[in-house]
Amino acid sequence: MTLHSHTHDMSCQQLLASIGDYVEGDLAPELCQEIERHLAACDHCRVVVDTLNKTITLYHASAHETEVPSEVRGRLFQVLKLDNLREKKS
């Protein structure tokens, strides 16, 4: 059983090494099929890929928002103790 687990870990490591290219669609179809077979059998890697895909989707959805409201920005700078970096209002 330990040998099977080790083999599975190696597959996970290989998937994680290629995850960016896989999500971006920059891999050869054969490698994509291999990754998809792994994802069908590995809940952990499937969660990683799903989370990455959702993060990218949320990023693209919010990309049109170019400015944080000033009151939110002020609270954020205060919490992060970056008040000295905020633009001073005249």
Protein backbone atom coordinates (compact mmCIF):
# COMPACT_ATOMS: atom_id res chain seq x y z
CA MET A 1 0.00 0.00 0.00
CA THR A 2 2.88 2.37 0.74
CA LEU A 3 4.29 1.87 -2.76
CA HIS A 4 0.93 2.77 -4.35
CA SER A 5 0.70 5.88 -2.15
CA HIS A 6 4.22 6.93 -3.19
CA THR A 7 3.35 6.47 -6.86
CA HIS A 8 0.21 8.56 -6.36
CA ASP A 9 2.26 11.31 -4.68
CA MET A 10 4.61 11.43 -7.65
CA SER A 11 1.62 11.86 -9.97
CA CYS A 12 0.38 14.68 -7.75
CA GLN A 13 3.79 16.34 -7.89
CA GLN A 14 3.84 16.08 -11.66
CA LEU A 15 0.35 17.54 -11.89
CA LEU A 16 1.23 20.43 -9.60
CA ALA A 17 4.34 21.15 -11.68
CA SER A 18 2.13 21.53 -14.78
CA ILE A 19 -0.98 23.06 -13.21
CA GLY A 20 -0.48 26.59 -14.56
CA ASP A 21 0.01 25.42 -18.12
CA TYR A 22 -2.93 23.03 -17.77
CA VAL A 23 -5.33 25.70 -16.53
CA GLU A 24 -4.17 28.13 -19.24
CA GLY A 25 -4.62 25.45 -21.92
CA ASP A 26 -0.96 25.48 -22.92
CA LEU A 27 -0.29 21.73 -22.70
CA ALA A 28 -0.30 19.04 -25.37
CA PRO A 29 -3.62 17.17 -25.59
CA GLU A 30 -1.99 13.90 -24.46
CA LEU A 31 -0.69 15.52 -21.28
CA CYS A 32 -4.09 17.13 -20.65
CA GLN A 33 -5.72 13.69 -20.92
CA GLU A 34 -3.21 12.27 -18.45
CA ILE A 35 -3.90 15.11 -16.01
CA GLU A 36 -7.67 14.67 -16.41
CA ARG A 37 -7.35 10.93 -15.65
CA HIS A 38 -5.40 11.84 -12.52
CA LEU A 39 -8.02 14.45 -11.52
CA ALA A 40 -10.80 11.87 -11.93
CA ALA A 41 -9.08 9.68 -9.33
CA CYS A 42 -7.55 12.26 -6.98
CA ASP A 43 -9.84 14.44 -4.88
CA HIS A 44 -6.95 16.51 -3.51
CA CYS A 45 -5.62 17.59 -6.90
CA ARG A 46 -9.15 18.16 -8.20
CA VAL A 47 -9.75 20.60 -5.32
CA VAL A 48 -6.49 22.42 -6.14
CA VAL A 49 -7.37 22.75 -9.83
CA ASP A 50 -10.98 23.77 -9.07
CA THR A 51 -9.80 26.39 -6.59
CA LEU A 52 -7.28 27.78 -9.07
CA ASN A 53 -9.94 27.94 -11.79
CA LYS A 54 -12.36 29.75 -9.45
CA THR A 55 -9.64 32.20 -8.40
CA ILE A 56 -8.86 33.01 -12.03
CA THR A 57 -12.58 33.41 -12.80
CA LEU A 58 -13.07 35.77 -9.85
CA TYR A 59 -9.99 37.76 -10.85
CA HIS A 60 -11.27 38.19 -14.41
CA ALA A 61 -14.74 39.10 -13.15
CA SER A 62 -13.35 41.81 -10.89
CA ALA A 63 -10.77 43.11 -13.38
CA HIS A 64 -13.19 45.78 -14.60
CA GLU A 65 -13.25 47.28 -11.10
CA THR A 66 -10.37 49.71 -11.29
CA GLU A 67 -10.71 51.67 -8.08
CA VAL A 68 -11.41 50.74 -4.49
CA PRO A 69 -13.93 53.08 -2.83
CA SER A 70 -12.10 55.69 -0.74
CA GLU A 71 -13.73 54.63 2.55
CA VAL A 72 -12.71 51.00 1.98
CA ARG A 73 -9.22 52.06 0.97
CA GLY A 74 -8.92 54.18 4.11
CA ARG A 75 -9.98 51.33 6.38
CA LEU A 76 -7.62 48.93 4.62
CA PHE A 77 -4.66 51.29 4.98
CA GLN A 78 -5.53 51.83 8.63
CA VAL A 79 -5.76 48.10 9.38
CA LEU A 80 -2.49 47.45 7.57
CA LYS A 81 -0.92 50.39 9.39
CA LEU A 82 -0.07 52.08 6.09
CA ASP A 83 -1.69 55.44 6.81
CA ASN A 84 1.52 57.25 5.91
CA LEU A 85 1.23 55.90 2.31
CA ARG A 86 -2.29 57.19 1.76
CA GLU A 87 -2.66 60.22 -0.41
CA LYS A 88 -3.18 63.28 1.73
CA LYS A 89 -6.28 65.31 0.99
CA SER A 90 -5.85 69.05 0.85
